[in-house]
Amino acid sequence: MAIPKVTGVVTTLDCIFCKIASGEVSTSPVFENDNFIAFYDLAPAAPVHVIVITKSHFTNLMELEDASLAGEALIAVQEVAKITGVDRSGFRTVINTLDDGGQTIHHLHLHVLGGRFMSWPPG
């Protein structure tokens, strides 16, 4: 099996999500705990579009080997859904991984999309 090509990889010093997690770049958090911070996407694809990032740098989902942290990510998504009010109407959680998966920022993050009906297939 060939190793997937990852383009646009940046160091943690250049990573915009690392800068947000460290407080170097300010944002208005929707949710925050010791391991995650969530904020509204600047280019929303739905009425509710929140990005949940890990405070530690993982380039993508394939680097996350900590089952506890993976579980915490899903709990963070639940909290974001409750805070934004889409917990009862429904929402979609997306983790884009590598180029063919549509990942454009190479720092593990989860999208929480809601506030409208989500069609299938996603595209």
PDB file of N, CA and C in Angstrom:
ATOM      1  N   MET A   1       0.842  -1.178   0.000  1.00  0.00           N
ATOM      2  CA  MET A   1       0.000   0.000   0.000  1.00  0.00           C
ATOM      3  C   MET A   1       0.884   1.237   0.000  1.00  0.00           C
ATOM      4  N   ALA A   2       0.623   2.157  -0.910  1.00  0.00           N
ATOM      5  CA  ALA A   2       1.417   3.379  -1.017  1.00  0.00           C
ATOM      6  C   ALA A   2       1.079   4.339   0.114  1.00  0.00           C
ATOM      7  N   ILE A   3       2.083   5.066   0.565  1.00  0.00           N
ATOM      8  CA  ILE A   3       1.867   6.078   1.596  1.00  0.00           C
ATOM      9  C   ILE A   3       1.222   7.284   0.936  1.00  0.00           C
ATOM     10  N   PRO A   4       0.116   7.786   1.495  1.00  0.00           N
ATOM     11  CA  PRO A   4      -0.564   8.943   0.899  1.00  0.00           C
ATOM     12  C   PRO A   4       0.326  10.173   0.875  1.00  0.00           C
ATOM     13  N   LYS A   5       0.217  10.936  -0.179  1.00  0.00           N
ATOM     14  CA  LYS A   5       0.951  12.184  -0.307  1.00  0.00           C
ATOM     15  C   LYS A   5       0.224  13.269   0.480  1.00  0.00           C
ATOM     16  N   VAL A   6       0.958  13.977   1.311  1.00  0.00           N
ATOM     17  CA  VAL A   6       0.385  15.080   2.071  1.00  0.00           C
ATOM     18  C   VAL A   6       1.042  16.354   1.577  1.00  0.00           C
ATOM     19  N   THR A   7       0.242  17.278   1.097  1.00  0.00           N
ATOM     20  CA  THR A   7       0.789  18.540   0.615  1.00  0.00           C
ATOM     21  C   THR A   7       0.507  19.637   1.612  1.00  0.00           C
ATOM     22  N   GLY A   8       1.313  20.672   1.556  1.00  0.00           N
ATOM     23  CA  GLY A   8       1.061  21.835   2.392  1.00  0.00           C
ATOM     24  C   GLY A   8       1.335  21.613   3.867  1.00  0.00           C
ATOM     25  N   VAL A   9       2.137  20.606   4.212  1.00  0.00           N
ATOM     26  CA  VAL A   9       2.427  20.350   5.615  1.00  0.00           C
ATOM     27  C   VAL A   9       3.275  21.491   6.154  1.00  0.00           C
ATOM     28  N   VAL A  10       2.904  21.962   7.307  1.00  0.00           N
ATOM     29  CA  VAL A  10       3.629  23.058   7.944  1.00  0.00           C
ATOM     30  C   VAL A  10       4.154  22.591   9.286  1.00  0.00           C
ATOM     31  N   THR A  11       5.137  23.303   9.803  1.00  0.00           N
ATOM     32  CA  THR A  11       5.629  22.988  11.142  1.00  0.00           C
ATOM     33  C   THR A  11       4.631  23.525  12.153  1.00  0.00           C
ATOM     34  N   THR A  12       4.745  23.060  13.373  1.00  0.00           N
ATOM     35  CA  THR A  12       3.839  23.554  14.403  1.00  0.00           C
ATOM     36  C   THR A  12       4.037  25.046  14.627  1.00  0.00           C
ATOM     37  N   LEU A  13       5.207  25.571  14.289  1.00  0.00           N
ATOM     38  CA  LEU A  13       5.448  27.009  14.425  1.00  0.00           C
ATOM     39  C   LEU A  13       4.629  27.811  13.425  1.00  0.00           C
ATOM     40  N   ASP A  14       4.319  27.208  12.273  1.00  0.00           N
ATOM     41  CA  ASP A  14       3.565  27.885  11.221  1.00  0.00           C
ATOM     42  C   ASP A  14       2.082  27.534  11.223  1.00  0.00           C
ATOM     43  N   CYS A  15       1.674  26.584  12.037  1.00  0.00           N
ATOM     44  CA  CYS A  15       0.313  26.055  12.003  1.00  0.00           C
ATOM     45  C   CYS A  15      -0.673  27.043  12.638  1.00  0.00           C
ATOM     46  N   ILE A  16      -1.647  27.491  11.866  1.00  0.00           N
ATOM     47  CA  ILE A  16      -2.628  28.458  12.367  1.00  0.00           C
ATOM     48  C   ILE A  16      -3.426  27.881  13.535  1.00  0.00           C
ATOM     49  N   PHE A  17      -3.750  26.593  13.498  1.00  0.00           N
ATOM     50  CA  PHE A  17      -4.504  26.006  14.600  1.00  0.00           C
ATOM     51  C   PHE A  17      -3.644  25.885  15.857  1.00  0.00           C
ATOM     52  N   CYS A  18      -2.348  25.640  15.709  1.00  0.00           N
ATOM     53  CA  CYS A  18      -1.450  25.645  16.876  1.00  0.00           C
ATOM     54  C   CYS A  18      -1.388  27.046  17.477  1.00  0.00           C
ATOM     55  N   LYS A  19      -1.387  28.059  16.615  1.00  0.00           N
ATOM     56  CA  LYS A  19      -1.355  29.444  17.102  1.00  0.00           C
ATOM     57  C   LYS A  19      -2.643  29.795  17.834  1.00  0.00           C
ATOM     58  N   ILE A  20      -3.768  29.286  17.366  1.00  0.00           N
ATOM     59  CA  ILE A  20      -5.038  29.501  18.062  1.00  0.00           C
ATOM     60  C   ILE A  20      -5.019  28.772  19.401  1.00  0.00           C
ATOM     61  N   ALA A  21      -4.553  27.519  19.394  1.00  0.00           N
ATOM     62  CA  ALA A  21      -4.530  26.723  20.623  1.00  0.00           C
ATOM     63  C   ALA A  21      -3.630  27.347  21.686  1.00  0.00           C
ATOM     64  N   SER A  22      -2.541  27.975  21.263  1.00  0.00           N
ATOM     65  CA  SER A  22      -1.602  28.575  22.216  1.00  0.00           C
ATOM     66  C   SER A  22      -2.027  29.975  22.654  1.00  0.00           C
ATOM     67  N   GLY A  23      -3.005  30.552  21.959  1.00  0.00           N
ATOM     68  CA  GLY A  23      -3.446  31.903  22.275  1.00  0.00           C
ATOM     69  C   GLY A  23      -2.701  32.976  21.510  1.00  0.00           C
ATOM     70  N   GLU A  24      -1.759  32.567  20.668  1.00  0.00           N
ATOM     71  CA  GLU A  24      -1.011  33.529  19.846  1.00  0.00           C
ATOM     72  C   GLU A  24      -1.942  34.242  18.861  1.00  0.00           C
ATOM     73  N   VAL A  25      -2.919  33.509  18.334  1.00  0.00           N
ATOM     74  CA  VAL A  25      -3.969  34.079  17.485  1.00  0.00           C
ATOM     75  C   VAL A  25      -5.256  33.976  18.292  1.00  0.00           C
ATOM     76  N   SER A  26      -5.924  35.104  18.462  1.00  0.00           N
ATOM     77  CA  SER A  26      -7.116  35.090  19.308  1.00  0.00           C
ATOM     78  C   SER A  26      -8.346  34.632  18.534  1.00  0.00           C
ATOM     79  N   THR A  27      -9.254  34.051  19.264  1.00  0.00           N
ATOM     80  CA  THR A  27     -10.536  33.617  18.730  1.00  0.00           C
ATOM     81  C   THR A  27     -11.551  33.708  19.863  1.00  0.00           C
ATOM     82  N   SER A  28     -12.797  33.653  19.523  1.00  0.00           N
ATOM     83  CA  SER A  28     -13.852  33.616  20.541  1.00  0.00           C
ATOM     84  C   SER A  28     -14.302  32.173  20.678  1.00  0.00           C
ATOM     85  N   PRO A  29     -13.821  31.475  21.689  1.00  0.00           N
ATOM     86  CA  PRO A  29     -14.154  30.054  21.815  1.00  0.00           C
ATOM     87  C   PRO A  29     -15.643  29.809  22.038  1.00  0.00           C
ATOM     88  N   VAL A  30     -16.145  28.800  21.364  1.00  0.00           N
ATOM     89  CA  VAL A  30     -17.490  28.291  21.603  1.00  0.00           C
ATOM     90  C   VAL A  30     -17.422  27.321  22.782  1.00  0.00           C
ATOM     91  N   PHE A  31     -16.297  26.595  22.847  1.00  0.00           N
ATOM     92  CA  PHE A  31     -16.057  25.588  23.884  1.00  0.00           C
ATOM     93  C   PHE A  31     -14.558  25.461  24.053  1.00  0.00           C
ATOM     94  N   GLU A  32     -14.136  25.171  25.281  1.00  0.00           N
ATOM     95  CA  GLU A  32     -12.717  24.937  25.526  1.00  0.00           C
ATOM     96  C   GLU A  32     -12.557  24.080  26.772  1.00  0.00           C
ATOM     97  N   ASN A  33     -11.596  23.152  26.701  1.00  0.00           N
ATOM     98  CA  ASN A  33     -11.185  22.397  27.882  1.00  0.00           C
ATOM     99  C   ASN A  33      -9.672  22.213  27.796  1.00  0.00           C
ATOM    100  N   ASP A  34      -9.107  21.306  28.570  1.00  0.00           N
ATOM    101  CA  ASP A  34      -7.652  21.146  28.602  1.00  0.00           C
ATOM    102  C   ASP A  34      -7.065  20.682  27.276  1.00  0.00           C
ATOM    103  N   ASN A  35      -7.821  19.920  26.487  1.00  0.00           N
ATOM    104  CA  ASN A  35      -7.280  19.307  25.271  1.00  0.00           C
ATOM    105  C   ASN A  35      -7.841  19.835  23.960  1.00  0.00           C
ATOM    106  N   PHE A  36      -8.949  20.597  24.013  1.00  0.00           N
ATOM    107  CA  PHE A  36      -9.619  21.045  22.792  1.00  0.00           C
ATOM    108  C   PHE A  36     -10.070  22.492  22.915  1.00  0.00           C
ATOM    109  N   ILE A  37     -10.157  23.138  21.772  1.00  0.00           N
ATOM    110  CA  ILE A  37     -10.789  24.455  21.694  1.00  0.00           C
ATOM    111  C   ILE A  37     -11.651  24.447  20.442  1.00  0.00           C
ATOM    112  N   ALA A  38     -12.822  25.050  20.540  1.00  0.00           N
ATOM    113  CA  ALA A  38     -13.767  25.086  19.417  1.00  0.00           C
ATOM    114  C   ALA A  38     -14.151  26.527  19.129  1.00  0.00           C
ATOM    115  N   PHE A  39     -14.297  26.839  17.851  1.00  0.00           N
ATOM    116  CA  PHE A  39     -14.627  28.197  17.413  1.00  0.00           C
ATOM    117  C   PHE A  39     -15.372  28.120  16.090  1.00  0.00           C
ATOM    118  N   TYR A  40     -16.088  29.199  15.764  1.00  0.00           N
ATOM    119  CA  TYR A  40     -16.841  29.228  14.512  1.00  0.00           C
ATOM    120  C   TYR A  40     -15.906  29.300  13.309  1.00  0.00           C
ATOM    121  N   ASP A  41     -16.253  28.549  12.262  1.00  0.00           N
ATOM    122  CA  ASP A  41     -15.498  28.557  11.015  1.00  0.00           C
ATOM    123  C   ASP A  41     -15.657  29.913  10.330  1.00  0.00           C
ATOM    124  N   LEU A  42     -14.578  30.429   9.769  1.00  0.00           N
ATOM    125  CA  LEU A  42     -14.624  31.725   9.079  1.00  0.00           C
ATOM    126  C   LEU A  42     -15.347  31.649   7.731  1.00  0.00           C
ATOM    127  N   ALA A  43     -15.446  30.449   7.166  1.00  0.00           N
ATOM    128  CA  ALA A  43     -16.155  30.247   5.897  1.00  0.00           C
ATOM    129  C   ALA A  43     -17.189  29.144   6.110  1.00  0.00           C
ATOM    130  N   PRO A  44     -18.275  29.452   6.812  1.00  0.00           N
ATOM    131  CA  PRO A  44     -19.220  28.399   7.200  1.00  0.00           C
ATOM    132  C   PRO A  44     -19.925  27.745   6.017  1.00  0.00           C
ATOM    133  N   ALA A  45     -20.096  26.425   6.140  1.00  0.00           N
ATOM    134  CA  ALA A  45     -20.814  25.641   5.139  1.00  0.00           C
ATOM    135  C   ALA A  45     -22.225  25.302   5.602  1.00  0.00           C
ATOM    136  N   ALA A  46     -22.610  25.819   6.755  1.00  0.00           N
ATOM    137  CA  ALA A  46     -23.944  25.596   7.324  1.00  0.00           C
ATOM    138  C   ALA A  46     -24.211  26.727   8.317  1.00  0.00           C
ATOM    139  N   PRO A  47     -25.470  26.923   8.704  1.00  0.00           N
ATOM    140  CA  PRO A  47     -25.767  27.976   9.683  1.00  0.00           C
ATOM    141  C   PRO A  47     -24.953  27.834  10.979  1.00  0.00           C
ATOM    142  N   VAL A  48     -24.734  26.605  11.416  1.00  0.00           N
ATOM    143  CA  VAL A  48     -23.812  26.332  12.524  1.00  0.00           C
ATOM    144  C   VAL A  48     -22.644  25.572  11.927  1.00  0.00           C
ATOM    145  N   HIS A  49     -21.452  26.128  12.041  1.00  0.00           N
ATOM    146  CA  HIS A  49     -20.247  25.463  11.548  1.00  0.00           C
ATOM    147  C   HIS A  49     -19.117  25.808  12.510  1.00  0.00           C
ATOM    148  N   VAL A  50     -18.847  24.868  13.398  1.00  0.00           N
ATOM    149  CA  VAL A  50     -17.832  25.057  14.431  1.00  0.00           C
ATOM    150  C   VAL A  50     -16.688  24.085  14.177  1.00  0.00           C
ATOM    151  N   ILE A  51     -15.467  24.562  14.368  1.00  0.00           N
ATOM    152  CA  ILE A  51     -14.262  23.749  14.247  1.00  0.00           C
ATOM    153  C   ILE A  51     -13.797  23.390  15.654  1.00  0.00           C
ATOM    154  N   VAL A  52     -13.559  22.119  15.890  1.00  0.00           N
ATOM    155  CA  VAL A  52     -13.015  21.639  17.160  1.00  0.00           C
ATOM    156  C   VAL A  52     -11.596  21.174  16.881  1.00  0.00           C
ATOM    157  N   ILE A  53     -10.608  21.819  17.522  1.00  0.00           N
ATOM    158  CA  ILE A  53      -9.212  21.442  17.284  1.00  0.00           C
ATOM    159  C   ILE A  53      -8.587  20.857  18.542  1.00  0.00           C
ATOM    160  N   THR A  54      -7.614  20.005  18.308  1.00  0.00           N
ATOM    161  CA  THR A  54      -6.807  19.503  19.412  1.00  0.00           C
ATOM    162  C   THR A  54      -5.810  20.590  19.779  1.00  0.00           C
ATOM    163  N   LYS A  55      -5.547  20.744  21.068  1.00  0.00           N
ATOM    164  CA  LYS A  55      -4.548  21.724  21.491  1.00  0.00           C
ATOM    165  C   LYS A  55      -3.135  21.218  21.204  1.00  0.00           C
ATOM    166  N   SER A  56      -2.964  19.909  21.189  1.00  0.00           N
ATOM    167  CA  SER A  56      -1.694  19.312  20.775  1.00  0.00           C
ATOM    168  C   SER A  56      -1.734  19.130  19.268  1.00  0.00           C
ATOM    169  N   HIS A  57      -0.590  19.248  18.629  1.00  0.00           N
ATOM    170  CA  HIS A  57      -0.558  19.128  17.175  1.00  0.00           C
ATOM    171  C   HIS A  57      -0.504  17.666  16.738  1.00  0.00           C
ATOM    172  N   PHE A  58      -1.513  17.289  15.997  1.00  0.00           N
ATOM    173  CA  PHE A  58      -1.536  16.039  15.245  1.00  0.00           C
ATOM    174  C   PHE A  58      -1.817  16.476  13.823  1.00  0.00           C
ATOM    175  N   THR A  59      -1.043  16.027  12.866  1.00  0.00           N
ATOM    176  CA  THR A  59      -1.236  16.470  11.486  1.00  0.00           C
ATOM    177  C   THR A  59      -2.604  16.066  10.964  1.00  0.00           C
ATOM    178  N   ASN A  60      -3.034  14.868  11.304  1.00  0.00           N
ATOM    179  CA  ASN A  60      -4.345  14.390  10.860  1.00  0.00           C
ATOM    180  C   ASN A  60      -4.781  13.222  11.727  1.00  0.00           C
ATOM    181  N   LEU A  61      -5.931  12.680  11.435  1.00  0.00           N
ATOM    182  CA  LEU A  61      -6.501  11.596  12.223  1.00  0.00           C
ATOM    183  C   LEU A  61      -5.583  10.379  12.294  1.00  0.00           C
ATOM    184  N   MET A  62      -4.798  10.142  11.265  1.00  0.00           N
ATOM    185  CA  MET A  62      -3.924   8.973  11.238  1.00  0.00           C
ATOM    186  C   MET A  62      -2.821   9.049  12.287  1.00  0.00           C
ATOM    187  N   GLU A  63      -2.541  10.215  12.825  1.00  0.00           N
ATOM    188  CA  GLU A  63      -1.516  10.358  13.865  1.00  0.00           C
ATOM    189  C   GLU A  63      -2.089  10.189  15.275  1.00  0.00           C
ATOM    190  N   LEU A  64      -3.393  10.221  15.412  1.00  0.00           N
ATOM    191  CA  LEU A  64      -4.019  10.131  16.732  1.00  0.00           C
ATOM    192  C   LEU A  64      -4.112   8.669  17.153  1.00  0.00           C
ATOM    193  N   GLU A  65      -3.266   8.280  18.095  1.00  0.00           N
ATOM    194  CA  GLU A  65      -3.251   6.893  18.564  1.00  0.00           C
ATOM    195  C   GLU A  65      -3.756   6.762  19.994  1.00  0.00           C
ATOM    196  N   ASP A  66      -4.144   7.865  20.600  1.00  0.00           N
ATOM    197  CA  ASP A  66      -4.612   7.888  21.976  1.00  0.00           C
ATOM    198  C   ASP A  66      -6.124   7.725  21.986  1.00  0.00           C
ATOM    199  N   ALA A  67      -6.599   6.537  22.365  1.00  0.00           N
ATOM    200  CA  ALA A  67      -8.041   6.260  22.352  1.00  0.00           C
ATOM    201  C   ALA A  67      -8.795   7.179  23.302  1.00  0.00           C
ATOM    202  N   SER A  68      -8.192   7.520  24.412  1.00  0.00           N
ATOM    203  CA  SER A  68      -8.835   8.407  25.373  1.00  0.00           C
ATOM    204  C   SER A  68      -9.048   9.790  24.777  1.00  0.00           C
ATOM    205  N   LEU A  69      -8.035  10.298  24.100  1.00  0.00           N
ATOM    206  CA  LEU A  69      -8.148  11.615  23.462  1.00  0.00           C
ATOM    207  C   LEU A  69      -9.163  11.578  22.321  1.00  0.00           C
ATOM    208  N   ALA A  70      -9.204  10.484  21.583  1.00  0.00           N
ATOM    209  CA  ALA A  70     -10.203  10.343  20.508  1.00  0.00           C
ATOM    210  C   ALA A  70     -11.614  10.375  21.097  1.00  0.00           C
ATOM    211  N   GLY A  71     -11.807   9.709  22.215  1.00  0.00           N
ATOM    212  CA  GLY A  71     -13.109   9.743  22.881  1.00  0.00           C
ATOM    213  C   GLY A  71     -13.444  11.129  23.390  1.00  0.00           C
ATOM    214  N   GLU A  72     -12.444  11.825  23.926  1.00  0.00           N
ATOM    215  CA  GLU A  72     -12.659  13.195  24.389  1.00  0.00           C
ATOM    216  C   GLU A  72     -13.078  14.106  23.242  1.00  0.00           C
ATOM    217  N   ALA A  73     -12.565  13.837  22.042  1.00  0.00           N
ATOM    218  CA  ALA A  73     -12.939  14.645  20.875  1.00  0.00           C
ATOM    219  C   ALA A  73     -14.439  14.532  20.622  1.00  0.00           C
ATOM    220  N   LEU A  74     -14.974  13.331  20.740  1.00  0.00           N
ATOM    221  CA  LEU A  74     -16.408  13.145  20.515  1.00  0.00           C
ATOM    222  C   LEU A  74     -17.238  13.796  21.615  1.00  0.00           C
ATOM    223  N   ILE A  75     -16.737  13.779  22.831  1.00  0.00           N
ATOM    224  CA  ILE A  75     -17.428  14.470  23.917  1.00  0.00           C
ATOM    225  C   ILE A  75     -17.403  15.980  23.670  1.00  0.00           C
ATOM    226  N   ALA A  76     -16.284  16.500  23.158  1.00  0.00           N
ATOM    227  CA  ALA A  76     -16.199  17.929  22.816  1.00  0.00           C
ATOM    228  C   ALA A  76     -17.218  18.274  21.738  1.00  0.00           C
ATOM    229  N   VAL A  77     -17.387  17.394  20.755  1.00  0.00           N
ATOM    230  CA  VAL A  77     -18.394  17.608  19.708  1.00  0.00           C
ATOM    231  C   VAL A  77     -19.786  17.652  20.328  1.00  0.00           C
ATOM    232  N   GLN A  78     -20.079  16.750  21.258  1.00  0.00           N
ATOM    233  CA  GLN A  78     -21.378  16.766  21.932  1.00  0.00           C
ATOM    234  C   GLN A  78     -21.601  18.089  22.657  1.00  0.00           C
ATOM    235  N   GLU A  79     -20.585  18.575  23.336  1.00  0.00           N
ATOM    236  CA  GLU A  79     -20.703  19.842  24.060  1.00  0.00           C
ATOM    237  C   GLU A  79     -20.970  20.997  23.106  1.00  0.00           C
ATOM    238  N   VAL A  80     -20.252  21.019  21.970  1.00  0.00           N
ATOM    239  CA  VAL A  80     -20.469  22.061  20.965  1.00  0.00           C
ATOM    240  C   VAL A  80     -21.892  21.992  20.437  1.00  0.00           C
ATOM    241  N   ALA A  81     -22.389  20.789  20.178  1.00  0.00           N
ATOM    242  CA  ALA A  81     -23.768  20.631  19.686  1.00  0.00           C
ATOM    243  C   ALA A  81     -24.770  21.184  20.695  1.00  0.00           C
ATOM    244  N   LYS A  82     -24.542  20.915  21.971  1.00  0.00           N
ATOM    245  CA  LYS A  82     -25.441  21.429  23.008  1.00  0.00           C
ATOM    246  C   LYS A  82     -25.368  22.958  23.080  1.00  0.00           C
ATOM    247  N   ILE A  83     -24.164  23.490  23.076  1.00  0.00           N
ATOM    248  CA  ILE A  83     -23.970  24.935  23.199  1.00  0.00           C
ATOM    249  C   ILE A  83     -24.600  25.680  22.025  1.00  0.00           C
ATOM    250  N   THR A  84     -24.477  25.126  20.820  1.00  0.00           N
ATOM    251  CA  THR A  84     -24.989  25.794  19.622  1.00  0.00           C
ATOM    252  C   THR A  84     -26.448  25.451  19.334  1.00  0.00           C
ATOM    253  N   GLY A  85     -27.023  24.533  20.105  1.00  0.00           N
ATOM    254  CA  GLY A  85     -28.441  24.213  19.969  1.00  0.00           C
ATOM    255  C   GLY A  85     -28.797  23.238  18.873  1.00  0.00           C
ATOM    256  N   VAL A  86     -27.827  22.534  18.309  1.00  0.00           N
ATOM    257  CA  VAL A  86     -28.143  21.564  17.259  1.00  0.00           C
ATOM    258  C   VAL A  86     -28.214  20.136  17.799  1.00  0.00           C
ATOM    259  N   ASP A  87     -28.076  19.989  19.110  1.00  0.00           N
ATOM    260  CA  ASP A  87     -28.092  18.663  19.716  1.00  0.00           C
ATOM    261  C   ASP A  87     -29.432  17.960  19.546  1.00  0.00           C
ATOM    262  N   ARG A  88     -30.507  18.699  19.442  1.00  0.00           N
ATOM    263  CA  ARG A  88     -31.841  18.082  19.315  1.00  0.00           C
ATOM    264  C   ARG A  88     -32.306  17.977  17.864  1.00  0.00           C
ATOM    265  N   SER A  89     -31.923  18.920  17.027  1.00  0.00           N
ATOM    266  CA  SER A  89     -32.357  18.900  15.629  1.00  0.00           C
ATOM    267  C   SER A  89     -31.456  18.028  14.758  1.00  0.00           C
ATOM    268  N   GLY A  90     -30.212  17.876  15.155  1.00  0.00           N
ATOM    269  CA  GLY A  90     -29.267  17.043  14.410  1.00  0.00           C
ATOM    270  C   GLY A  90     -28.117  17.847  13.850  1.00  0.00           C
ATOM    271  N   PHE A  91     -27.030  17.151  13.617  1.00  0.00           N
ATOM    272  CA  PHE A  91     -25.815  17.795  13.109  1.00  0.00           C
ATOM    273  C   PHE A  91     -24.941  16.743  12.450  1.00  0.00           C
ATOM    274  N   ARG A  92     -23.947  17.191  11.730  1.00  0.00           N
ATOM    275  CA  ARG A  92     -22.976  16.307  11.085  1.00  0.00           C
ATOM    276  C   ARG A  92     -21.607  16.624  11.652  1.00  0.00           C
ATOM    277  N   THR A  93     -20.826  15.593  11.894  1.00  0.00           N
ATOM    278  CA  THR A  93     -19.446  15.749  12.327  1.00  0.00           C
ATOM    279  C   THR A  93     -18.556  15.217  11.220  1.00  0.00           C
ATOM    280  N   VAL A  94     -17.573  16.021  10.809  1.00  0.00           N
ATOM    281  CA  VAL A  94     -16.692  15.657   9.696  1.00  0.00           C
ATOM    282  C   VAL A  94     -15.245  15.772  10.151  1.00  0.00           C
ATOM    283  N   ILE A  95     -14.452  14.765   9.797  1.00  0.00           N
ATOM    284  CA  ILE A  95     -13.007  14.820  10.000  1.00  0.00           C
ATOM    285  C   ILE A  95     -12.371  14.579   8.637  1.00  0.00           C
ATOM    286  N   ASN A  96     -11.938  15.641   7.985  1.00  0.00           N
ATOM    287  CA  ASN A  96     -11.259  15.516   6.705  1.00  0.00           C
ATOM    288  C   ASN A  96      -9.826  15.054   6.966  1.00  0.00           C
ATOM    289  N   THR A  97      -9.376  14.045   6.219  1.00  0.00           N
ATOM    290  CA  THR A  97      -8.048  13.488   6.445  1.00  0.00           C
ATOM    291  C   THR A  97      -7.302  13.367   5.120  1.00  0.00           C
ATOM    292  N   LEU A  98      -6.156  14.030   5.046  1.00  0.00           N
ATOM    293  CA  LEU A  98      -5.270  14.032   3.885  1.00  0.00           C
ATOM    294  C   LEU A  98      -5.951  14.682   2.669  1.00  0.00           C
ATOM    295  N   ASP A  99      -5.234  14.719   1.575  1.00  0.00           N
ATOM    296  CA  ASP A  99      -5.679  15.461   0.401  1.00  0.00           C
ATOM    297  C   ASP A  99      -6.991  14.960  -0.181  1.00  0.00           C
ATOM    298  N   ASP A 100      -7.104  13.659  -0.430  1.00  0.00           N
ATOM    299  CA  ASP A 100      -8.334  13.131  -1.022  1.00  0.00           C
ATOM    300  C   ASP A 100      -9.519  13.235  -0.064  1.00  0.00           C
ATOM    301  N   GLY A 101      -9.252  13.380   1.212  1.00  0.00           N
ATOM    302  CA  GLY A 101     -10.307  13.561   2.197  1.00  0.00           C
ATOM    303  C   GLY A 101     -10.725  15.013   2.344  1.00  0.00           C
ATOM    304  N   GLY A 102     -10.049  15.917   1.619  1.00  0.00           N
ATOM    305  CA  GLY A 102     -10.413  17.325   1.642  1.00  0.00           C
ATOM    306  C   GLY A 102      -9.762  18.132   2.754  1.00  0.00           C
ATOM    307  N   GLN A 103      -8.714  17.580   3.382  1.00  0.00           N
ATOM    308  CA  GLN A 103      -8.059  18.312   4.464  1.00  0.00           C
ATOM    309  C   GLN A 103      -7.236  19.459   3.887  1.00  0.00           C
ATOM    310  N   THR A 104      -7.515  20.677   4.331  1.00  0.00           N
ATOM    311  CA  THR A 104      -6.778  21.846   3.843  1.00  0.00           C
ATOM    312  C   THR A 104      -5.874  22.457   4.905  1.00  0.00           C
ATOM    313  N   ILE A 105      -6.182  22.236   6.166  1.00  0.00           N
ATOM    314  CA  ILE A 105      -5.297  22.664   7.255  1.00  0.00           C
ATOM    315  C   ILE A 105      -4.808  21.398   7.930  1.00  0.00           C
ATOM    316  N   HIS A 106      -3.500  21.226   7.917  1.00  0.00           N
ATOM    317  CA  HIS A 106      -2.913  19.971   8.372  1.00  0.00           C
ATOM    318  C   HIS A 106      -2.643  19.981   9.875  1.00  0.00           C
ATOM    319  N   HIS A 107      -3.747  20.061  10.593  1.00  0.00           N
ATOM    320  CA  HIS A 107      -3.800  19.942  12.055  1.00  0.00           C
ATOM    321  C   HIS A 107      -5.141  19.275  12.316  1.00  0.00           C
ATOM    322  N   LEU A 108      -5.146  18.203  13.071  1.00  0.00           N
ATOM    323  CA  LEU A 108      -6.380  17.461  13.319  1.00  0.00           C
ATOM    324  C   LEU A 108      -7.480  18.380  13.827  1.00  0.00           C
ATOM    325  N   HIS A 109      -8.622  18.327  13.154  1.00  0.00           N
ATOM    326  CA  HIS A 109      -9.775  19.115  13.572  1.00  0.00           C
ATOM    327  C   HIS A 109     -11.059  18.437  13.118  1.00  0.00           C
ATOM    328  N   LEU A 110     -12.117  18.731  13.835  1.00  0.00           N
ATOM    329  CA  LEU A 110     -13.428  18.173  13.544  1.00  0.00           C
ATOM    330  C   LEU A 110     -14.378  19.317  13.224  1.00  0.00           C
ATOM    331  N   HIS A 111     -15.199  19.136  12.224  1.00  0.00           N
ATOM    332  CA  HIS A 111     -16.219  20.123  11.864  1.00  0.00           C
ATOM    333  C   HIS A 111     -17.534  19.678  12.485  1.00  0.00           C
ATOM    334  N   VAL A 112     -18.248  20.602  13.096  1.00  0.00           N
ATOM    335  CA  VAL A 112     -19.600  20.351  13.594  1.00  0.00           C
ATOM    336  C   VAL A 112     -20.515  21.251  12.768  1.00  0.00           C
ATOM    337  N   LEU A 113     -21.352  20.622  11.940  1.00  0.00           N
ATOM    338  CA  LEU A 113     -22.226  21.354  11.026  1.00  0.00           C
ATOM    339  C   LEU A 113     -23.684  21.069  11.356  1.00  0.00           C
ATOM    340  N   GLY A 114     -24.492  22.116  11.426  1.00  0.00           N
ATOM    341  CA  GLY A 114     -25.902  21.925  11.722  1.00  0.00           C
ATOM    342  C   GLY A 114     -26.707  23.165  11.384  1.00  0.00           C
ATOM    343  N   GLY A 115     -27.947  23.134  11.786  1.00  0.00           N
ATOM    344  CA  GLY A 115     -28.833  24.259  11.528  1.00  0.00           C
ATOM    345  C   GLY A 115     -29.575  24.171  10.213  1.00  0.00           C
ATOM    346  N   ARG A 116     -29.386  23.080   9.503  1.00  0.00           N
ATOM    347  CA  ARG A 116     -30.105  22.811   8.260  1.00  0.00           C
ATOM    348  C   ARG A 116     -30.032  21.318   7.989  1.00  0.00           C
ATOM    349  N   PHE A 117     -30.854  20.830   7.054  1.00  0.00           N
ATOM    350  CA  PHE A 117     -30.810  19.428   6.664  1.00  0.00           C
ATOM    351  C   PHE A 117     -29.515  19.158   5.919  1.00  0.00           C
ATOM    352  N   MET A 118     -28.859  18.061   6.260  1.00  0.00           N
ATOM    353  CA  MET A 118     -27.624  17.651   5.595  1.00  0.00           C
ATOM    354  C   MET A 118     -27.944  16.560   4.586  1.00  0.00           C
ATOM    355  N   SER A 119     -27.717  16.831   3.327  1.00  0.00           N
ATOM    356  CA  SER A 119     -28.012  15.827   2.292  1.00  0.00           C
ATOM    357  C   SER A 119     -26.875  14.796   2.227  1.00  0.00           C
ATOM    358  N   TRP A 120     -27.160  13.719   1.498  1.00  0.00           N
ATOM    359  CA  TRP A 120     -26.184  12.660   1.324  1.00  0.00           C
ATOM    360  C   TRP A 120     -26.210  12.208  -0.119  1.00  0.00           C
ATOM    361  N   PRO A 121     -25.116  11.928  -0.778  1.00  0.00           N
ATOM    362  CA  PRO A 121     -23.752  11.949  -0.267  1.00  0.00           C
ATOM    363  C   PRO A 121     -23.221  13.368  -0.134  1.00  0.00           C
ATOM    364  N   PRO A 122     -22.203  13.549   0.707  1.00  0.00           N
ATOM    365  CA  PRO A 122     -21.717  14.902   0.984  1.00  0.00           C
ATOM    366  C   PRO A 122     -20.958  15.554  -0.163  1.00  0.00           C
ATOM    367  N   GLY A 123     -20.415  14.790  -1.095  1.00  0.00           N
ATOM    368  CA  GLY A 123     -19.739  15.431  -2.212  1.00  0.00           C
ATOM    369  C   GLY A 123     -18.378  15.071  -2.395  1.00  0.00           C
TER     370      GLY A 123
END
